Amino acid sequence: MKLTTAQMDRACGAVLGSAAGDALGAGYEFGCATVGPEGPRMIGGGLGDFEPGEWTDDTSMTWCVLDVAASGVDLRSAEGLDAVAARFAEWAGSHPPDIGIQTRSVLGAVGRNPTGADLTSAAARLHERTGRTAGNGSLMRTAAVAPPFLDDPEGLTEAARAVSALTHTDPRAGEACVLWCHAIRRAVLRGDLDVRAGLEQLDAEAAAYWGERIDEAEDEQPERFTPNGWVVTAFQAAWSAIHHTPVPEDDPRAHLEDALARAIGIGHDTDTVAAIAGALLGARWGASAVPARWRRILHGYPGLTGERLVELAHLAAGGPVSQGWPGTDRIDYSSWGDRPTIVQHPFDEGVWLGNAVALDGLAPEVTAVVSLCRIGTQQIRQDLTGVGFRLVDSADPEANPNLDFVLRDAARTVADLRDEGHVVFLHCVAGQSRTPTVAAAYAMLRGVEPDRALREVCAVLPDARPNSEFRRALRRLA
């Protein structure tokens, strides 16, 4: 299936939104901290004494699934499940600061080199002994299951059940994963929210059971669904938070931030409920809806950033490899002109504007780079702070579904970096459309009149010509 630009943004958003929710909720888990009047922040701490922005076991296990999916191996196959099992075992052997009781029991029973069948059998034996394997630990990692099966609903059902059963045998756990995966799939493909989309994939008893649970989640306020370590209550908590959070008319994608705050406000297993909610919210609003203040610090096992999760999600969803991206050290943009452009922002001597070729020769005083196009993993100096934005140079409104927010967020990020003392280089491929637009938005943020901001930015940038949709967006921002 060839996804549109907006659909691919949403497919990547499922994984990024889940990781952001996880890291956001980590510090508040089981009452470790109280959410202040400003709402939840990525404060770190929590049960695992995490760093600010560090994700927990929820996203670490999601990565184990995502890494396999991105390689093109079918998650339903023995090869795919073996690969996931190997990554689970390697992660568990790294002595993670936080791991679910049930998952620990299953992984502890299979040794260092388990197959998928080994894990599934160990989980089944645990269920036979205890009858209690319906924790939320498989639902929390569903963000990675949906992207490879966007064109195969039956395959998605099979994969959701199989990946869940690696650690969670109880049928309710598998059913919850099926429902959430199909809700993610629908959100990616159609851009709406509907957790009933997967009911037809369940048998009559299960469909009736979950239909009633969904009704409860919509009838009751989110705070009703605690404690939420049980998969059913975690599902209800996440959906109730999403359902009961209004979508702002002036900034619809803010629904993602507001609903995550509502999910964390429920309390108890805050990181997992927010990870579950974040997967569906990200699938609805897209990776471009996740604010840079979160993305800048988002990181975790195995030494990855949130941007790397987006790249893997792109591959898992069947996205094309273009000019070696994702995964290349550098992208050659010399076909757009082999001469570097770097000029000073007309309203801030600490901000420089230019093209991608100029990355190879930045002055030593530049300490941060804001990229408005794709770049390679080694394309900016390792000592620099780098922040990227998904911004497509197109006049088609569908190409940038969160355009106004992205422009504001990029401008605000430049301002934040300057306030932190950085000298910033702002660039896109050629410095013609994206760069002058964000540079003008930054000037507007600093109080410059809109027409003057764009006029004077374009005067210093050779060949600057922001596309018509970008110009309309600047007028809206004004």
Protein backbone atom coordinates (compact mmCIF):
# COMPACT_ATOMS: atom_id res chain seq x y z
CA MET A 1 0.00 0.00 0.00
CA LYS A 2 1.33 3.41 -0.97
CA LEU A 3 0.47 5.84 1.80
CA THR A 4 -0.16 9.53 1.28
CA THR A 5 2.17 11.96 2.98
CA ALA A 6 -0.41 12.57 5.71
CA GLN A 7 -1.02 8.86 6.22
CA MET A 8 2.69 8.18 6.60
CA ASP A 9 2.90 11.01 9.12
CA ARG A 10 0.13 9.32 11.08
CA ALA A 11 1.73 5.85 10.82
CA CYS A 12 4.93 7.26 12.29
CA GLY A 13 2.88 9.20 14.81
CA ALA A 14 1.53 5.99 16.33
CA VAL A 15 5.01 5.01 17.50
CA LEU A 16 6.22 8.50 18.36
CA GLY A 17 3.00 9.35 20.21
CA SER A 18 3.23 6.18 22.26
CA ALA A 19 6.86 6.86 23.22
CA ALA A 20 6.05 10.47 24.11
CA GLY A 21 3.12 9.41 26.28
CA ASP A 22 5.31 6.83 27.99
CA ALA A 23 8.10 9.29 28.81
CA LEU A 24 5.59 11.93 29.85
CA GLY A 25 3.83 9.59 32.25
CA ALA A 26 6.96 7.95 33.66
CA GLY A 27 7.56 10.45 36.45
CA TYR A 28 4.01 10.23 37.80
CA GLU A 29 3.62 6.44 37.93
CA PHE A 30 1.91 5.14 41.07
CA GLY A 31 1.98 8.55 42.72
CA CYS A 32 5.73 9.17 42.41
CA ALA A 33 4.95 12.82 41.64
CA THR A 34 1.91 15.05 41.50
CA VAL A 35 0.85 16.71 38.29
CA GLY A 36 1.09 20.47 38.76
CA PRO A 37 -1.23 23.18 37.46
CA GLU A 38 0.86 23.47 34.28
CA GLY A 39 0.05 19.85 33.43
CA PRO A 40 2.38 16.85 33.11
CA ARG A 41 5.95 17.37 31.99
CA MET A 42 8.79 15.02 31.14
CA ILE A 43 10.28 15.22 34.60
CA GLY A 44 11.90 11.79 34.77
CA GLY A 45 12.12 9.95 38.06
CA GLY A 46 9.33 7.48 38.68
CA LEU A 47 9.84 3.87 39.69
CA GLY A 48 12.87 3.48 37.44
CA ASP A 49 14.52 6.80 38.33
CA PHE A 50 14.41 7.71 34.66
CA GLU A 51 16.07 10.72 33.08
CA PRO A 52 13.76 13.49 31.85
CA GLY A 53 12.45 12.37 28.47
CA GLU A 54 13.56 8.76 28.91
CA TRP A 55 11.02 6.12 27.97
CA THR A 56 10.28 3.06 30.08
CA ASP A 57 9.78 -0.65 29.40
CA ASP A 58 6.64 0.20 27.41
CA THR A 59 8.63 1.77 24.57
CA SER A 60 11.66 -0.47 24.99
CA MET A 61 9.44 -3.48 24.23
CA THR A 62 7.71 -1.55 21.46
CA TRP A 63 11.12 -1.01 19.89
CA CYS A 64 11.79 -4.77 20.05
CA VAL A 65 8.73 -5.32 17.86
CA LEU A 66 9.31 -2.26 15.67
CA ASP A 67 12.89 -3.15 14.85
CA VAL A 68 11.76 -6.51 13.49
CA ALA A 69 8.84 -4.99 11.59
CA ALA A 70 11.15 -2.39 10.02
CA SER A 71 13.40 -5.15 8.72
CA GLY A 72 10.51 -6.46 6.63
CA VAL A 73 10.08 -9.75 8.48
CA ASP A 74 6.45 -10.81 8.98
CA LEU A 75 5.59 -10.48 12.67
CA ARG A 76 3.27 -13.49 12.40
CA SER A 77 5.97 -15.84 11.15
CA ALA A 78 8.19 -18.04 13.25
CA GLU A 79 11.15 -15.99 12.04
CA GLY A 80 9.48 -12.75 13.09
CA LEU A 81 8.38 -13.99 16.50
CA ASP A 82 11.82 -15.50 17.11
CA ALA A 83 13.41 -12.15 16.32
CA VAL A 84 11.06 -10.31 18.68
CA ALA A 85 11.73 -12.89 21.39
CA ALA A 86 15.49 -12.44 20.96
CA ARG A 87 15.15 -8.69 21.36
CA PHE A 88 12.93 -9.09 24.41
CA ALA A 89 15.55 -11.36 26.00
CA GLU A 90 18.42 -9.03 25.15
CA TRP A 91 16.53 -6.09 26.64
CA ALA A 92 15.69 -8.04 29.81
CA GLY A 93 19.35 -9.03 30.11
CA SER A 94 20.38 -5.37 30.07
CA HIS A 95 18.93 -5.03 33.58
CA PRO A 96 16.25 -2.45 32.73
CA PRO A 97 15.19 -0.20 35.60
CA ASP A 98 11.54 -1.19 35.20
CA ILE A 99 9.91 -4.38 33.92
CA GLY A 100 6.41 -5.73 34.46
CA ILE A 101 5.97 -8.59 36.91
CA GLN A 102 4.27 -10.86 34.39
CA THR A 103 6.77 -10.11 31.64
CA ARG A 104 9.65 -10.72 34.05
CA SER A 105 8.17 -14.09 35.01
CA VAL A 106 7.83 -15.22 31.40
CA LEU A 107 11.26 -14.01 30.30
CA GLY A 108 12.84 -15.48 33.43
CA ALA A 109 11.52 -18.92 32.54
CA VAL A 110 13.09 -19.23 29.08
CA GLY A 111 16.79 -18.46 29.40
CA ARG A 112 18.90 -16.12 27.34
CA ASN A 113 18.11 -17.32 23.81
CA PRO A 114 14.39 -18.03 23.59
CA THR A 115 12.44 -18.59 20.44
CA GLY A 116 8.99 -17.14 19.93
CA ALA A 117 7.55 -20.59 20.66
CA ASP A 118 9.54 -20.75 23.91
CA LEU A 119 8.07 -17.47 25.10
CA THR A 120 4.54 -18.33 24.03
CA SER A 121 4.74 -21.69 25.83
CA ALA A 122 6.17 -20.12 28.98
CA ALA A 123 3.36 -17.54 28.99
CA ALA A 124 0.79 -20.32 28.55
CA ARG A 125 2.25 -22.30 31.45
CA LEU A 126 2.08 -19.21 33.65
CA HIS A 127 -1.57 -18.82 32.70
CA GLU A 128 -2.27 -22.47 33.53
CA ARG A 129 -0.72 -22.03 36.98
CA THR A 130 -2.22 -18.69 37.89
CA GLY A 131 -5.11 -17.92 35.57
CA ARG A 132 -3.97 -14.30 35.77
CA THR A 133 -2.15 -13.16 32.64
CA ALA A 134 -4.33 -10.25 31.59
CA GLY A 135 -2.01 -7.43 32.58
CA ASN A 136 -1.56 -4.38 30.36
CA GLY A 137 1.97 -5.32 29.28
CA SER A 138 1.13 -6.47 25.75
CA LEU A 139 -1.37 -3.70 25.01
CA MET A 140 1.31 -1.11 25.78
CA ARG A 141 3.45 -2.22 22.82
CA THR A 142 0.79 -2.33 20.08
CA ALA A 143 1.98 0.84 18.32
CA ALA A 144 4.60 -1.19 16.47
CA VAL A 145 2.26 -3.95 15.31
CA ALA A 146 -0.13 -1.95 13.14
CA PRO A 147 2.16 -0.18 10.58
CA PRO A 148 3.17 -3.30 8.58
CA PHE A 149 -0.45 -4.45 8.21
CA LEU A 150 -2.27 -1.31 7.13
CA ASP A 151 -3.38 -3.07 3.94
CA ASP A 152 -4.17 -6.41 5.62
CA PRO A 153 -6.80 -6.30 8.39
CA GLU A 154 -6.87 -10.06 8.86
CA GLY A 155 -3.09 -10.19 9.02
CA LEU A 156 -3.16 -7.40 11.59
CA THR A 157 -5.50 -9.44 13.79
CA GLU A 158 -3.19 -12.44 13.58
CA ALA A 159 -0.10 -10.37 14.35
CA ALA A 160 -1.74 -8.57 17.27
CA ARG A 161 -2.70 -11.88 18.87
CA ALA A 162 0.65 -13.56 18.19
CA VAL A 163 2.80 -10.72 19.56
CA SER A 164 0.54 -10.39 22.60
CA ALA A 165 0.72 -14.13 23.31
CA LEU A 166 4.52 -13.99 23.61
CA THR A 167 3.99 -12.80 27.18
CA HIS A 168 0.22 -12.58 27.79
CA THR A 169 -1.93 -15.67 27.22
CA ASP A 170 -5.26 -14.44 28.57
CA PRO A 171 -7.71 -13.97 25.68
CA ARG A 172 -8.70 -10.52 26.93
CA ALA A 173 -5.13 -9.29 26.46
CA GLY A 174 -5.08 -10.51 22.86
CA GLU A 175 -8.53 -9.07 22.17
CA ALA A 176 -7.52 -5.67 23.54
CA CYS A 177 -4.46 -5.67 21.27
CA VAL A 178 -6.62 -6.55 18.27
CA LEU A 179 -9.02 -3.69 19.00
CA TRP A 180 -6.31 -1.11 19.62
CA CYS A 181 -4.34 -2.16 16.54
CA HIS A 182 -7.42 -1.84 14.35
CA ALA A 183 -8.20 1.55 15.87
CA ILE A 184 -4.65 2.63 15.01
CA ARG A 185 -5.03 1.27 11.49
CA ARG A 186 -8.27 3.17 10.96
CA ALA A 187 -6.80 6.38 12.38
CA VAL A 188 -3.79 6.14 10.06
CA LEU A 189 -5.82 5.39 6.94
CA ARG A 190 -8.92 7.51 7.55
CA GLY A 191 -7.87 10.14 10.06
CA ASP A 192 -10.53 9.48 12.67
CA LEU A 193 -10.90 7.79 16.05
CA ASP A 194 -12.97 4.64 16.42
CA VAL A 195 -12.08 1.83 18.83
CA ARG A 196 -15.05 -0.17 17.62
CA ALA A 197 -13.43 -0.65 14.21
CA GLY A 198 -11.98 -4.01 15.23
CA LEU A 199 -15.04 -5.52 16.90
CA GLU A 200 -15.82 -7.43 13.71
CA GLN A 201 -12.48 -9.22 14.12
CA LEU A 202 -13.63 -10.81 17.40
CA ASP A 203 -16.03 -13.67 18.02
CA ALA A 204 -19.58 -12.87 19.17
CA GLU A 205 -18.90 -13.24 22.89
CA ALA A 206 -15.77 -11.11 22.82
CA ALA A 207 -17.37 -8.45 20.61
CA ALA A 208 -20.31 -8.15 23.01
CA TYR A 209 -17.98 -8.01 26.02
CA TRP A 210 -15.79 -5.29 24.54
CA GLY A 211 -18.73 -3.34 23.18
CA GLU A 212 -20.01 -3.02 26.75
CA ARG A 213 -16.55 -2.05 28.06
CA ILE A 214 -16.23 0.64 25.40
CA ASP A 215 -19.68 1.98 26.28
CA GLU A 216 -18.58 2.16 29.93
CA ALA A 217 -15.44 4.07 28.98
CA GLU A 218 -17.53 6.61 27.09
CA ASP A 219 -20.24 6.89 29.77
CA GLU A 220 -17.87 7.23 32.74
CA GLN A 221 -15.23 9.88 33.34
CA PRO A 222 -11.59 8.76 32.89
CA GLU A 223 -10.84 8.97 36.60
CA ARG A 224 -13.23 6.05 37.11
CA PHE A 225 -10.75 3.64 35.49
CA THR A 226 -8.16 3.10 38.19
CA PRO A 227 -6.31 0.99 39.18
CA ASN A 228 -5.43 0.17 35.60
CA GLY A 229 -2.86 -2.60 35.61
CA TRP A 230 -5.52 -4.96 34.19
CA VAL A 231 -5.64 -4.80 30.41
CA VAL A 232 -9.37 -4.08 30.33
CA THR A 233 -9.17 -1.13 32.70
CA ALA A 234 -6.03 0.20 30.98
CA PHE A 235 -7.87 0.06 27.64
CA GLN A 236 -10.87 1.84 29.13
CA ALA A 237 -8.72 4.47 30.84
CA ALA A 238 -6.88 5.31 27.63
CA TRP A 239 -10.04 5.45 25.51
CA SER A 240 -12.03 7.39 28.12
CA ALA A 241 -9.28 10.02 28.30
CA ILE A 242 -9.28 10.37 24.51
CA HIS A 243 -13.06 10.32 24.20
CA HIS A 244 -13.71 12.86 26.96
CA THR A 245 -11.08 15.36 25.80
CA PRO A 246 -12.52 18.01 23.46
CA VAL A 247 -10.82 18.67 20.14
CA PRO A 248 -9.95 22.40 20.08
CA GLU A 249 -11.38 24.14 17.04
CA ASP A 250 -8.47 26.55 16.66
CA ASP A 251 -5.74 23.88 17.01
CA PRO A 252 -7.17 20.36 16.59
CA ARG A 253 -3.85 18.58 16.97
CA ALA A 254 -3.65 19.97 20.54
CA HIS A 255 -6.09 17.15 21.30
CA LEU A 256 -3.00 14.92 21.46
CA GLU A 257 -1.40 16.92 24.26
CA ASP A 258 -4.66 17.53 26.12
CA ALA A 259 -5.76 13.89 26.03
CA LEU A 260 -2.35 12.66 27.20
CA ALA A 261 -2.60 15.06 30.13
CA ARG A 262 -6.05 13.65 30.91
CA ALA A 263 -4.72 10.09 30.71
CA ILE A 264 -1.87 10.81 33.11
CA GLY A 265 -4.24 12.63 35.44
CA ILE A 266 -6.10 9.36 36.00
CA GLY A 267 -3.16 8.11 38.06
CA HIS A 268 -1.84 4.63 38.89
CA ASP A 269 0.02 3.13 35.86
CA THR A 270 0.44 6.51 34.22
CA ASP A 271 3.22 5.70 31.77
CA THR A 272 1.42 2.68 30.34
CA VAL A 273 -1.99 4.31 30.05
CA ALA A 274 -0.36 7.31 28.35
CA ALA A 275 1.66 5.04 26.05
CA ILE A 276 -1.52 3.23 25.00
CA ALA A 277 -3.40 6.50 24.51
CA GLY A 278 -0.42 8.09 22.76
CA ALA A 279 -0.32 5.35 20.14
CA LEU A 280 -3.88 6.06 19.03
CA LEU A 281 -3.57 9.82 19.38
CA GLY A 282 -0.37 9.82 17.34
CA ALA A 283 -2.05 7.65 14.71
CA ARG A 284 -4.82 10.22 14.47
CA TRP A 285 -2.84 13.47 14.55
CA GLY A 286 0.56 12.42 13.22
CA ALA A 287 4.19 12.57 14.24
CA SER A 288 4.20 16.23 13.22
CA ALA A 289 1.72 16.90 16.06
CA VAL A 290 4.21 15.89 18.76
CA PRO A 291 5.80 19.10 20.10
CA ALA A 292 9.53 19.70 19.83
CA ARG A 293 9.86 20.37 23.56
CA TRP A 294 9.14 16.65 24.02
CA ARG A 295 11.01 15.39 20.98
CA ARG A 296 14.20 17.22 21.91
CA ILE A 297 14.69 15.08 25.01
CA LEU A 298 12.85 11.87 24.09
CA HIS A 299 15.19 8.88 24.27
CA GLY A 300 15.69 5.42 25.70
CA TYR A 301 16.76 1.82 25.23
CA PRO A 302 18.75 0.83 23.22
CA GLY A 303 20.35 4.26 23.03
CA LEU A 304 17.87 5.72 20.55
CA THR A 305 16.06 9.00 20.08
CA GLY A 306 12.44 9.54 19.17
CA GLU A 307 13.56 10.49 15.66
CA ARG A 308 15.00 7.02 15.18
CA LEU A 309 11.65 5.51 16.17
CA VAL A 310 10.03 7.62 13.44
CA GLU A 311 12.52 6.33 10.88
CA LEU A 312 11.85 2.71 11.87
CA ALA A 313 8.10 3.30 11.77
CA HIS A 314 8.49 4.74 8.27
CA LEU A 315 10.19 1.53 7.18
CA ALA A 316 7.70 -0.70 9.00
CA ALA A 317 4.84 1.02 7.18
CA GLY A 318 6.48 0.30 3.84
CA GLY A 319 7.75 3.80 3.25
CA PRO A 320 10.32 4.26 0.49
CA VAL A 321 14.02 4.66 1.07
CA SER A 322 14.85 7.99 -0.59
CA GLN A 323 18.47 9.07 -1.12
CA GLY A 324 19.41 6.49 1.48
CA TRP A 325 17.05 7.89 4.12
CA PRO A 326 16.30 6.55 6.63
CA GLY A 327 19.58 5.13 7.82
CA THR A 328 22.15 6.98 5.72
CA ASP A 329 24.96 9.01 7.25
CA ARG A 330 24.31 11.91 4.93
CA ILE A 331 22.01 12.99 2.11
CA ASP A 332 23.59 14.59 -0.93
CA TYR A 333 21.59 17.70 -1.78
CA SER A 334 24.15 19.12 -4.20
CA SER A 335 21.75 18.67 -7.12
CA TRP A 336 19.86 21.65 -5.65
CA GLY A 337 23.03 23.73 -5.87
CA ASP A 338 26.54 22.98 -4.68
CA ARG A 339 27.23 26.42 -3.22
CA PRO A 340 26.51 26.89 0.50
CA THR A 341 24.07 29.59 1.52
CA ILE A 342 24.38 31.03 5.00
CA VAL A 343 23.13 34.52 5.83
CA GLN A 344 22.30 36.31 9.06
CA HIS A 345 18.67 36.64 10.12
CA PRO A 346 17.71 40.30 9.63
CA PHE A 347 16.21 40.55 13.13
CA ASP A 348 18.58 38.37 15.18
CA GLU A 349 22.34 38.21 14.73
CA GLY A 350 22.37 34.90 16.62
CA VAL A 351 20.29 33.12 13.96
CA TRP A 352 21.71 32.12 10.60
CA LEU A 353 19.68 30.99 7.59
CA GLY A 354 20.68 28.79 4.70
CA ASN A 355 20.66 25.53 2.79
CA ALA A 356 21.68 21.94 3.51
CA VAL A 357 25.02 22.21 1.71
CA ALA A 358 26.11 24.78 4.30
CA LEU A 359 25.98 22.12 7.02
CA ASP A 360 29.46 21.00 5.95
CA GLY A 361 31.07 24.31 6.81
CA LEU A 362 29.27 25.85 9.76
CA ALA A 363 31.21 28.42 11.75
CA PRO A 364 32.43 27.29 15.20
CA GLU A 365 30.11 29.74 16.94
CA VAL A 366 27.03 27.85 15.67
CA THR A 367 25.89 25.54 18.46
CA ALA A 368 22.44 24.38 17.30
CA VAL A 369 20.83 23.37 14.02
CA VAL A 370 17.12 23.41 13.23
CA SER A 371 16.48 21.27 10.14
CA LEU A 372 13.34 21.63 8.04
CA CYS A 373 14.26 18.73 5.73
CA ARG A 374 15.61 15.22 6.11
CA ILE A 375 19.30 14.90 6.90
CA GLY A 376 21.65 11.99 7.49
CA THR A 377 22.60 10.71 10.91
CA GLN A 378 26.11 12.22 10.67
CA GLN A 379 25.27 15.35 8.68
CA ILE A 380 25.65 17.79 11.54
CA ARG A 381 28.60 17.94 13.90
CA GLN A 382 28.24 15.70 16.92
CA ASP A 383 28.83 18.63 19.31
CA LEU A 384 25.78 20.50 17.98
CA THR A 385 22.22 20.39 19.27
CA GLY A 386 19.98 19.29 16.43
CA VAL A 387 16.19 19.50 16.12
CA GLY A 388 14.28 18.38 13.05
CA PHE A 389 10.80 19.20 11.77
CA ARG A 390 8.60 17.40 9.28
CA LEU A 391 7.73 20.14 6.80
CA VAL A 392 6.97 19.34 3.16
CA ASP A 393 7.56 22.11 0.60
CA SER A 394 4.16 21.83 -1.06
CA ALA A 395 1.21 24.12 -1.65
CA ASP A 396 -1.14 21.17 -1.18
CA PRO A 397 -2.79 21.56 2.26
CA GLU A 398 -2.93 17.76 2.59
CA ALA A 399 0.86 17.52 2.52
CA ASN A 400 1.22 19.29 5.89
CA PRO A 401 -1.83 18.41 8.00
CA ASN A 402 -0.45 20.26 11.03
CA LEU A 403 1.16 23.11 9.11
CA ASP A 404 0.24 26.00 11.40
CA PHE A 405 1.41 24.11 14.47
CA VAL A 406 4.66 23.00 12.85
CA LEU A 407 5.52 26.56 11.83
CA ARG A 408 4.74 27.85 15.33
CA ASP A 409 6.62 24.99 16.94
CA ALA A 410 9.69 25.45 14.76
CA ALA A 411 9.72 29.19 15.41
CA ARG A 412 9.26 28.61 19.12
CA THR A 413 12.10 26.09 19.10
CA VAL A 414 14.45 28.65 17.52
CA ALA A 415 13.38 31.09 20.22
CA ASP A 416 13.94 28.51 22.98
CA LEU A 417 17.39 27.66 21.66
CA ARG A 418 18.30 31.34 21.51
CA ASP A 419 17.03 31.84 25.06
CA GLU A 420 19.26 28.95 26.11
CA GLY A 421 22.25 30.81 24.67
CA HIS A 422 22.63 28.95 21.38
CA VAL A 423 23.64 30.39 18.05
CA VAL A 424 21.24 28.72 15.64
CA PHE A 425 21.50 27.67 11.99
CA LEU A 426 18.04 27.27 10.42
CA HIS A 427 17.96 25.48 7.08
CA CYS A 428 16.05 23.39 4.54
CA VAL A 429 17.30 21.83 1.30
CA ALA A 430 17.78 24.99 -0.75
CA GLY A 431 16.82 27.79 1.65
CA GLN A 432 14.07 28.91 -0.71
CA SER A 433 10.67 28.14 0.82
CA ARG A 434 10.71 26.42 4.21
CA THR A 435 13.60 28.37 5.68
CA PRO A 436 12.25 31.88 4.94
CA THR A 437 8.80 30.86 6.16
CA VAL A 438 10.01 29.66 9.56
CA ALA A 439 12.47 32.56 9.78
CA ALA A 440 9.57 34.97 9.27
CA ALA A 441 7.46 33.10 11.84
CA TYR A 442 10.34 33.46 14.30
CA ALA A 443 10.55 37.20 13.66
CA MET A 444 6.78 37.47 14.20
CA LEU A 445 7.20 35.61 17.49
CA ARG A 446 9.72 38.26 18.50
CA GLY A 447 7.24 41.03 17.71
CA VAL A 448 8.01 41.95 14.11
CA GLU A 449 5.03 42.92 11.94
CA PRO A 450 4.18 39.99 9.59
CA ASP A 451 4.63 41.67 6.20
CA ARG A 452 7.90 43.24 7.26
CA ALA A 453 9.14 39.96 8.72
CA LEU A 454 8.69 38.02 5.50
CA ARG A 455 9.84 40.86 3.26
CA GLU A 456 13.13 41.41 5.04
CA VAL A 457 13.85 37.70 5.48
CA CYS A 458 13.34 37.17 1.74
CA ALA A 459 15.58 40.14 1.03
CA VAL A 460 18.60 38.48 2.65
CA LEU A 461 18.02 34.94 1.35
CA PRO A 462 18.95 34.44 -2.32
CA ASP A 463 16.08 33.01 -4.38
CA ALA A 464 13.66 32.98 -1.42
CA ARG A 465 10.14 32.21 -2.59
CA PRO A 466 7.85 30.61 0.03
CA ASN A 467 5.03 28.65 -1.57
CA SER A 468 1.48 29.98 -1.49
CA GLU A 469 0.26 27.69 1.30
CA PHE A 470 3.16 28.73 3.53
CA ARG A 471 2.32 32.38 2.92
CA ARG A 472 -1.32 31.74 3.83
CA ALA A 473 -0.21 29.97 6.99
CA LEU A 474 1.89 32.98 8.01
CA ARG A 475 -1.15 35.19 7.58
CA ARG A 476 -3.14 32.82 9.80
CA LEU A 477 -0.41 32.89 12.42
CA ALA A 478 -0.47 36.69 12.36
